[in-house]
Amino acid sequence: MNRIKIYTDRHKIAEFERSVNETIEASNSLIRIFEEFQPFMRINSVMDFETLVDDPGALYDHLLTTNVQFNAAAGMKVDPGQLAKLFNLERDSFLNLTAGKPVQIENCTPCKKMRLKPGKACISRERFNAYKQYMIFEEGEFVKDVEAVEAKAKDFDVYATTEQQIKIVDHFNSLIDILNKHDELFPLQGPAKEVMTKTFGLHIEHPPYTGKFLINPEELKNLIFKY
């Protein structure tokens, strides 16, 4: 089927790319915080990160209880909070940071080292899942998958596809051609050009009324969607 691209929604593309960039930054921020607050594990793969983002506190406590060994009677459970205190690990600050709760920065060495500003919870698994296909994990952090982002951006292109829609596009291309040829032979006054751009829903090269007539892609998009 023939189709003609008439419009690219650059606003939606910008929103999408901003969301990808924000997700990458939030994911890398969680990695940096996690690695700064404990010495047991580094995030070396997407699988590692997914375990972390599912429940940062649970992973932190698991690492504490599996890496610090004590002999205890059967049935006794280790308190991760007490283990952290024994080794001067900032467990409470880590839990509060990742949950978006208040943290006393002056009493938190890793917070001061990283210049963290508490108050926003870490990225959720749902948010990560929404954009992970546009991210690549390499050398301990996420970066943008440029090819995937560019491919997705094509979804924001609008095409004329039906016979009637294509006729409308051809009509406006002819209209622009005729108006510009007429203007070359019989120069139009500025106010007249301004009226014509508004009447036909067109753009002009140098607004408000100087230069060649141009198609207004958004107006054309709105028009063909009626057919």
C-alpha atoms as a PDB file:
ATOM      1  CA  MET A   1       0.000   0.000   0.000  1.00  0.00           C
ATOM      2  CA  ASN A   2       1.282   3.460  -0.904  1.00  0.00           C
ATOM      3  CA  ARG A   3       1.733   5.875   1.948  1.00  0.00           C
ATOM      4  CA  ILE A   4       3.127   9.377   2.346  1.00  0.00           C
ATOM      5  CA  LYS A   5       4.763  10.672   5.501  1.00  0.00           C
ATOM      6  CA  ILE A   6       3.218  13.991   6.381  1.00  0.00           C
ATOM      7  CA  TYR A   7       4.110  14.667   9.981  1.00  0.00           C
ATOM      8  CA  THR A   8       6.569  13.771  12.715  1.00  0.00           C
ATOM      9  CA  ASP A   9       5.397  14.418  16.262  1.00  0.00           C
ATOM     10  CA  ARG A  10       8.649  15.858  17.588  1.00  0.00           C
ATOM     11  CA  HIS A  11       7.058  16.703  20.920  1.00  0.00           C
ATOM     12  CA  LYS A  12       6.267  13.057  21.578  1.00  0.00           C
ATOM     13  CA  ILE A  13       9.735  12.023  20.409  1.00  0.00           C
ATOM     14  CA  ALA A  14      11.283  14.504  22.837  1.00  0.00           C
ATOM     15  CA  GLU A  15       9.069  13.209  25.662  1.00  0.00           C
ATOM     16  CA  PHE A  16      10.010   9.618  24.869  1.00  0.00           C
ATOM     17  CA  GLU A  17      13.745  10.347  24.717  1.00  0.00           C
ATOM     18  CA  ARG A  18      13.526  12.322  27.963  1.00  0.00           C
ATOM     19  CA  SER A  19      11.830   9.348  29.629  1.00  0.00           C
ATOM     20  CA  VAL A  20      14.554   6.992  28.391  1.00  0.00           C
ATOM     21  CA  ASN A  21      17.298   9.321  29.650  1.00  0.00           C
ATOM     22  CA  GLU A  22      15.599   9.745  33.022  1.00  0.00           C
ATOM     23  CA  THR A  23      15.207   5.973  33.371  1.00  0.00           C
ATOM     24  CA  ILE A  24      18.881   5.432  32.571  1.00  0.00           C
ATOM     25  CA  GLU A  25      19.931   8.047  35.122  1.00  0.00           C
ATOM     26  CA  ALA A  26      17.602   6.628  37.789  1.00  0.00           C
ATOM     27  CA  SER A  27      18.857   3.093  37.160  1.00  0.00           C
ATOM     28  CA  ASN A  28      22.499   4.144  37.339  1.00  0.00           C
ATOM     29  CA  SER A  29      21.791   6.175  40.463  1.00  0.00           C
ATOM     30  CA  LEU A  30      20.397   3.093  42.197  1.00  0.00           C
ATOM     31  CA  ILE A  31      23.493   1.105  41.171  1.00  0.00           C
ATOM     32  CA  ARG A  32      25.821   3.806  42.535  1.00  0.00           C
ATOM     33  CA  ILE A  33      23.955   4.038  45.829  1.00  0.00           C
ATOM     34  CA  PHE A  34      23.817   0.267  46.270  1.00  0.00           C
ATOM     35  CA  GLU A  35      27.518  -0.208  45.568  1.00  0.00           C
ATOM     36  CA  GLU A  36      28.532   2.671  47.838  1.00  0.00           C
ATOM     37  CA  PHE A  37      26.524   1.410  50.810  1.00  0.00           C
ATOM     38  CA  GLN A  38      27.848  -2.160  50.946  1.00  0.00           C
ATOM     39  CA  PRO A  39      31.112  -3.956  50.042  1.00  0.00           C
ATOM     40  CA  PHE A  40      29.739  -7.380  49.153  1.00  0.00           C
ATOM     41  CA  MET A  41      28.343  -7.116  45.627  1.00  0.00           C
ATOM     42  CA  ARG A  42      28.748  -5.183  42.396  1.00  0.00           C
ATOM     43  CA  ILE A  43      26.135  -4.992  39.673  1.00  0.00           C
ATOM     44  CA  ASN A  44      27.648  -6.808  36.709  1.00  0.00           C
ATOM     45  CA  SER A  45      24.633  -7.674  34.597  1.00  0.00           C
ATOM     46  CA  VAL A  46      21.029  -6.812  33.835  1.00  0.00           C
ATOM     47  CA  MET A  47      20.023  -9.841  35.907  1.00  0.00           C
ATOM     48  CA  ASP A  48      21.896  -8.433  38.906  1.00  0.00           C
ATOM     49  CA  PHE A  49      20.152  -5.100  38.458  1.00  0.00           C
ATOM     50  CA  GLU A  50      16.723  -6.686  38.163  1.00  0.00           C
ATOM     51  CA  THR A  51      17.301  -8.455  41.482  1.00  0.00           C
ATOM     52  CA  LEU A  52      18.260  -5.110  42.989  1.00  0.00           C
ATOM     53  CA  VAL A  53      15.398  -3.071  41.569  1.00  0.00           C
ATOM     54  CA  ASP A  54      12.828  -5.706  42.616  1.00  0.00           C
ATOM     55  CA  ASP A  55      13.582  -5.047  46.287  1.00  0.00           C
ATOM     56  CA  PRO A  56      16.749  -3.109  47.207  1.00  0.00           C
ATOM     57  CA  GLY A  57      16.257  -3.659  50.934  1.00  0.00           C
ATOM     58  CA  ALA A  58      15.785  -7.404  50.593  1.00  0.00           C
ATOM     59  CA  LEU A  59      18.958  -7.768  48.539  1.00  0.00           C
ATOM     60  CA  TYR A  60      20.911  -5.622  50.987  1.00  0.00           C
ATOM     61  CA  ASP A  61      19.797  -7.730  53.956  1.00  0.00           C
ATOM     62  CA  HIS A  62      20.449 -10.962  52.075  1.00  0.00           C
ATOM     63  CA  LEU A  63      24.020  -9.869  51.455  1.00  0.00           C
ATOM     64  CA  LEU A  64      24.467  -8.967  55.113  1.00  0.00           C
ATOM     65  CA  THR A  65      23.193 -12.266  56.447  1.00  0.00           C
ATOM     66  CA  THR A  66      25.042 -14.431  53.926  1.00  0.00           C
ATOM     67  CA  ASN A  67      28.390 -12.637  54.116  1.00  0.00           C
ATOM     68  CA  VAL A  68      28.615 -12.146  57.872  1.00  0.00           C
ATOM     69  CA  GLN A  69      28.743 -15.507  59.638  1.00  0.00           C
ATOM     70  CA  PHE A  70      27.871 -16.203  63.281  1.00  0.00           C
ATOM     71  CA  ASN A  71      27.339 -19.435  65.138  1.00  0.00           C
ATOM     72  CA  ALA A  72      23.792 -19.443  66.442  1.00  0.00           C
ATOM     73  CA  ALA A  73      21.438 -21.946  67.986  1.00  0.00           C
ATOM     74  CA  ALA A  74      18.967 -23.667  65.680  1.00  0.00           C
ATOM     75  CA  GLY A  75      15.977 -21.517  64.887  1.00  0.00           C
ATOM     76  CA  MET A  76      17.621 -18.229  65.822  1.00  0.00           C
ATOM     77  CA  LYS A  77      17.374 -15.514  63.191  1.00  0.00           C
ATOM     78  CA  VAL A  78      19.987 -12.867  62.529  1.00  0.00           C
ATOM     79  CA  ASP A  79      18.904  -9.210  62.734  1.00  0.00           C
ATOM     80  CA  PRO A  80      20.316  -7.475  59.621  1.00  0.00           C
ATOM     81  CA  GLY A  81      20.073  -4.103  61.347  1.00  0.00           C
ATOM     82  CA  GLN A  82      22.336  -5.229  64.183  1.00  0.00           C
ATOM     83  CA  LEU A  83      24.763  -6.841  61.742  1.00  0.00           C
ATOM     84  CA  ALA A  84      25.043  -3.561  59.862  1.00  0.00           C
ATOM     85  CA  LYS A  85      25.802  -1.675  63.063  1.00  0.00           C
ATOM     86  CA  LEU A  86      28.549  -4.142  63.963  1.00  0.00           C
ATOM     87  CA  PHE A  87      30.390  -3.259  60.765  1.00  0.00           C
ATOM     88  CA  ASN A  88      29.408   0.434  60.591  1.00  0.00           C
ATOM     89  CA  LEU A  89      27.304  -0.052  57.483  1.00  0.00           C
ATOM     90  CA  GLU A  90      24.661   2.617  56.835  1.00  0.00           C
ATOM     91  CA  ARG A  91      21.784   0.190  56.383  1.00  0.00           C
ATOM     92  CA  ASP A  92      19.048   2.499  57.687  1.00  0.00           C
ATOM     93  CA  SER A  93      20.180   5.328  55.431  1.00  0.00           C
ATOM     94  CA  PHE A  94      20.229   2.979  52.441  1.00  0.00           C
ATOM     95  CA  LEU A  95      16.697   1.755  53.171  1.00  0.00           C
ATOM     96  CA  ASN A  96      15.428   5.306  53.649  1.00  0.00           C
ATOM     97  CA  LEU A  97      17.140   6.615  50.538  1.00  0.00           C
ATOM     98  CA  THR A  98      15.749   3.927  48.271  1.00  0.00           C
ATOM     99  CA  ALA A  99      12.286   4.397  49.772  1.00  0.00           C
ATOM    100  CA  GLY A 100      12.362   8.181  49.411  1.00  0.00           C
ATOM    101  CA  LYS A 101      12.260   8.740  53.179  1.00  0.00           C
ATOM    102  CA  PRO A 102      14.171  11.415  55.148  1.00  0.00           C
ATOM    103  CA  VAL A 103      17.866  10.817  55.741  1.00  0.00           C
ATOM    104  CA  GLN A 104      20.168  12.727  58.072  1.00  0.00           C
ATOM    105  CA  ILE A 105      22.886  13.531  55.567  1.00  0.00           C
ATOM    106  CA  GLU A 106      25.286  14.826  58.225  1.00  0.00           C
ATOM    107  CA  ASN A 107      25.275  11.386  59.880  1.00  0.00           C
ATOM    108  CA  CYS A 108      25.608   9.419  56.632  1.00  0.00           C
ATOM    109  CA  THR A 109      29.143   9.150  55.269  1.00  0.00           C
ATOM    110  CA  PRO A 110      28.185   7.600  51.889  1.00  0.00           C
ATOM    111  CA  CYS A 111      25.485  10.257  51.443  1.00  0.00           C
ATOM    112  CA  LYS A 112      27.994  13.074  51.919  1.00  0.00           C
ATOM    113  CA  LYS A 113      30.524  11.341  49.694  1.00  0.00           C
ATOM    114  CA  MET A 114      28.006  10.989  46.875  1.00  0.00           C
ATOM    115  CA  ARG A 115      26.367  14.367  47.548  1.00  0.00           C
ATOM    116  CA  LEU A 116      22.979  12.698  47.614  1.00  0.00           C
ATOM    117  CA  LYS A 117      19.738  14.627  47.953  1.00  0.00           C
ATOM    118  CA  PRO A 118      17.147  12.392  49.617  1.00  0.00           C
ATOM    119  CA  GLY A 119      13.425  12.637  49.111  1.00  0.00           C
ATOM    120  CA  LYS A 120      12.746  10.623  45.960  1.00  0.00           C
ATOM    121  CA  ALA A 121      12.278   6.861  45.983  1.00  0.00           C
ATOM    122  CA  CYS A 122      14.487   4.764  43.738  1.00  0.00           C
ATOM    123  CA  ILE A 123      13.300   3.622  40.328  1.00  0.00           C
ATOM    124  CA  SER A 124      10.545   0.998  40.336  1.00  0.00           C
ATOM    125  CA  ARG A 125      10.646  -2.310  38.486  1.00  0.00           C
ATOM    126  CA  GLU A 126       7.633  -1.170  36.445  1.00  0.00           C
ATOM    127  CA  ARG A 127       9.429   1.967  35.274  1.00  0.00           C
ATOM    128  CA  PHE A 128      12.555   0.000  34.415  1.00  0.00           C
ATOM    129  CA  ASN A 129      10.546  -2.598  32.480  1.00  0.00           C
ATOM    130  CA  ALA A 130       8.845   0.135  30.448  1.00  0.00           C
ATOM    131  CA  TYR A 131      12.142   1.362  28.991  1.00  0.00           C
ATOM    132  CA  LYS A 132      14.701  -1.423  29.415  1.00  0.00           C
ATOM    133  CA  GLN A 133      14.500  -2.392  25.738  1.00  0.00           C
ATOM    134  CA  TYR A 134      16.003   1.010  24.919  1.00  0.00           C
ATOM    135  CA  MET A 135      18.950   0.550  27.286  1.00  0.00           C
ATOM    136  CA  ILE A 136      22.201  -1.402  27.121  1.00  0.00           C
ATOM    137  CA  PHE A 137      24.171  -2.541  30.160  1.00  0.00           C
ATOM    138  CA  GLU A 138      27.917  -2.215  29.742  1.00  0.00           C
ATOM    139  CA  GLU A 139      30.845  -1.747  32.109  1.00  0.00           C
ATOM    140  CA  GLY A 140      28.667  -1.570  35.182  1.00  0.00           C
ATOM    141  CA  GLU A 141      26.090   0.945  34.004  1.00  0.00           C
ATOM    142  CA  PHE A 142      23.249   1.503  31.580  1.00  0.00           C
ATOM    143  CA  VAL A 143      23.619   3.525  28.386  1.00  0.00           C
ATOM    144  CA  LYS A 144      21.126   4.385  25.685  1.00  0.00           C
ATOM    145  CA  ASP A 145      20.568   1.878  22.890  1.00  0.00           C
ATOM    146  CA  VAL A 146      20.676   4.443  20.099  1.00  0.00           C
ATOM    147  CA  GLU A 147      19.410   2.067  17.392  1.00  0.00           C
ATOM    148  CA  ALA A 148      16.424   0.970  19.493  1.00  0.00           C
ATOM    149  CA  VAL A 149      15.537   4.578  20.350  1.00  0.00           C
ATOM    150  CA  GLU A 150      15.754   5.656  16.708  1.00  0.00           C
ATOM    151  CA  ALA A 151      13.578   2.724  15.649  1.00  0.00           C
ATOM    152  CA  LYS A 152      10.965   3.630  18.262  1.00  0.00           C
ATOM    153  CA  ALA A 153      10.988   7.270  17.157  1.00  0.00           C
ATOM    154  CA  LYS A 154       9.582   6.155  13.797  1.00  0.00           C
ATOM    155  CA  ASP A 155       6.352   5.233  15.611  1.00  0.00           C
ATOM    156  CA  PHE A 156       5.719   8.963  15.967  1.00  0.00           C
ATOM    157  CA  ASP A 157       5.620   9.509  12.194  1.00  0.00           C
ATOM    158  CA  VAL A 158       2.163  10.061  10.720  1.00  0.00           C
ATOM    159  CA  TYR A 159       1.336   8.798   7.224  1.00  0.00           C
ATOM    160  CA  ALA A 160      -1.432   9.343   4.725  1.00  0.00           C
ATOM    161  CA  THR A 161      -2.441   5.821   3.754  1.00  0.00           C
ATOM    162  CA  THR A 162      -5.955   5.767   2.321  1.00  0.00           C
ATOM    163  CA  GLU A 163      -6.823   6.862  -1.186  1.00  0.00           C
ATOM    164  CA  GLN A 164      -8.739   9.890   0.125  1.00  0.00           C
ATOM    165  CA  GLN A 165      -5.919  10.904   2.481  1.00  0.00           C
ATOM    166  CA  ILE A 166      -3.338  10.716  -0.317  1.00  0.00           C
ATOM    167  CA  LYS A 167      -5.602  12.835  -2.547  1.00  0.00           C
ATOM    168  CA  ILE A 168      -5.667  15.497   0.166  1.00  0.00           C
ATOM    169  CA  VAL A 169      -1.880  15.482   0.431  1.00  0.00           C
ATOM    170  CA  ASP A 170      -1.552  15.781  -3.356  1.00  0.00           C
ATOM    171  CA  HIS A 171      -4.086  18.631  -3.330  1.00  0.00           C
ATOM    172  CA  PHE A 172      -2.084  20.625  -0.777  1.00  0.00           C
ATOM    173  CA  ASN A 173       1.188  19.980  -2.610  1.00  0.00           C
ATOM    174  CA  SER A 174      -0.456  21.346  -5.767  1.00  0.00           C
ATOM    175  CA  LEU A 175      -1.895  24.295  -3.854  1.00  0.00           C
ATOM    176  CA  ILE A 176       1.536  25.236  -2.484  1.00  0.00           C
ATOM    177  CA  ASP A 177       3.061  24.939  -5.940  1.00  0.00           C
ATOM    178  CA  ILE A 178       0.385  27.131  -7.548  1.00  0.00           C
ATOM    179  CA  LEU A 179       0.521  29.796  -4.828  1.00  0.00           C
ATOM    180  CA  ASN A 180       4.306  30.078  -5.005  1.00  0.00           C
ATOM    181  CA  LYS A 181       4.304  30.233  -8.831  1.00  0.00           C
ATOM    182  CA  HIS A 182       1.593  32.894  -8.706  1.00  0.00           C
ATOM    183  CA  ASP A 183       3.605  34.869  -6.144  1.00  0.00           C
ATOM    184  CA  GLU A 184       6.649  34.762  -8.414  1.00  0.00           C
ATOM    185  CA  LEU A 185       4.674  36.131 -11.381  1.00  0.00           C
ATOM    186  CA  PHE A 186       2.399  38.492  -9.472  1.00  0.00           C
ATOM    187  CA  PRO A 187       3.983  39.297  -6.083  1.00  0.00           C
ATOM    188  CA  LEU A 188       1.470  39.217  -3.278  1.00  0.00           C
ATOM    189  CA  GLN A 189       1.395  41.895  -0.624  1.00  0.00           C
ATOM    190  CA  GLY A 190       2.347  40.886   2.900  1.00  0.00           C
ATOM    191  CA  PRO A 191      -1.118  41.248   4.489  1.00  0.00           C
ATOM    192  CA  ALA A 192      -2.640  39.183   1.672  1.00  0.00           C
ATOM    193  CA  LYS A 193      -0.082  36.409   2.285  1.00  0.00           C
ATOM    194  CA  GLU A 194      -0.843  36.431   5.981  1.00  0.00           C
ATOM    195  CA  VAL A 195      -4.562  36.052   5.287  1.00  0.00           C
ATOM    196  CA  MET A 196      -3.925  33.191   2.858  1.00  0.00           C
ATOM    197  CA  THR A 197      -1.754  31.258   5.321  1.00  0.00           C
ATOM    198  CA  LYS A 198      -4.545  31.473   7.881  1.00  0.00           C
ATOM    199  CA  THR A 199      -7.276  30.677   5.339  1.00  0.00           C
ATOM    200  CA  PHE A 200      -5.585  27.563   3.963  1.00  0.00           C
ATOM    201  CA  GLY A 201      -3.815  26.503   7.165  1.00  0.00           C
ATOM    202  CA  LEU A 202      -0.326  26.944   5.723  1.00  0.00           C
ATOM    203  CA  HIS A 203       3.110  27.939   6.963  1.00  0.00           C
ATOM    204  CA  ILE A 204       5.260  30.615   5.394  1.00  0.00           C
ATOM    205  CA  GLU A 205       9.031  30.767   5.044  1.00  0.00           C
ATOM    206  CA  HIS A 206       9.524  33.903   7.158  1.00  0.00           C
ATOM    207  CA  PRO A 207       6.479  34.546   9.375  1.00  0.00           C
ATOM    208  CA  PRO A 208       4.206  36.360   9.441  1.00  0.00           C
ATOM    209  CA  TYR A 209       4.072  36.983   5.678  1.00  0.00           C
ATOM    210  CA  THR A 210       7.445  36.906   3.877  1.00  0.00           C
ATOM    211  CA  GLY A 211       8.839  34.216   1.595  1.00  0.00           C
ATOM    212  CA  LYS A 212       7.377  31.049   0.081  1.00  0.00           C
ATOM    213  CA  PHE A 213       4.228  29.280   1.179  1.00  0.00           C
ATOM    214  CA  LEU A 214       4.869  25.973   2.949  1.00  0.00           C
ATOM    215  CA  ILE A 215       2.720  23.050   4.041  1.00  0.00           C
ATOM    216  CA  ASN A 216       1.787  23.060   7.721  1.00  0.00           C
ATOM    217  CA  PRO A 217       2.350  19.371   8.621  1.00  0.00           C
ATOM    218  CA  GLU A 218       0.273  19.482  11.796  1.00  0.00           C
ATOM    219  CA  GLU A 219      -2.703  21.088  10.076  1.00  0.00           C
ATOM    220  CA  LEU A 220      -2.447  18.531   7.282  1.00  0.00           C
ATOM    221  CA  LYS A 221      -2.290  15.707   9.834  1.00  0.00           C
ATOM    222  CA  ASN A 222      -5.425  16.970  11.567  1.00  0.00           C
ATOM    223  CA  LEU A 223      -7.225  17.285   8.249  1.00  0.00           C
ATOM    224  CA  ILE A 224      -6.473  13.805   6.911  1.00  0.00           C
ATOM    225  CA  PHE A 225      -7.512  12.220  10.215  1.00  0.00           C
ATOM    226  CA  LYS A 226     -11.048  13.266   9.339  1.00  0.00           C
ATOM    227  CA  TYR A 227     -10.988  10.842   6.390  1.00  0.00           C
END
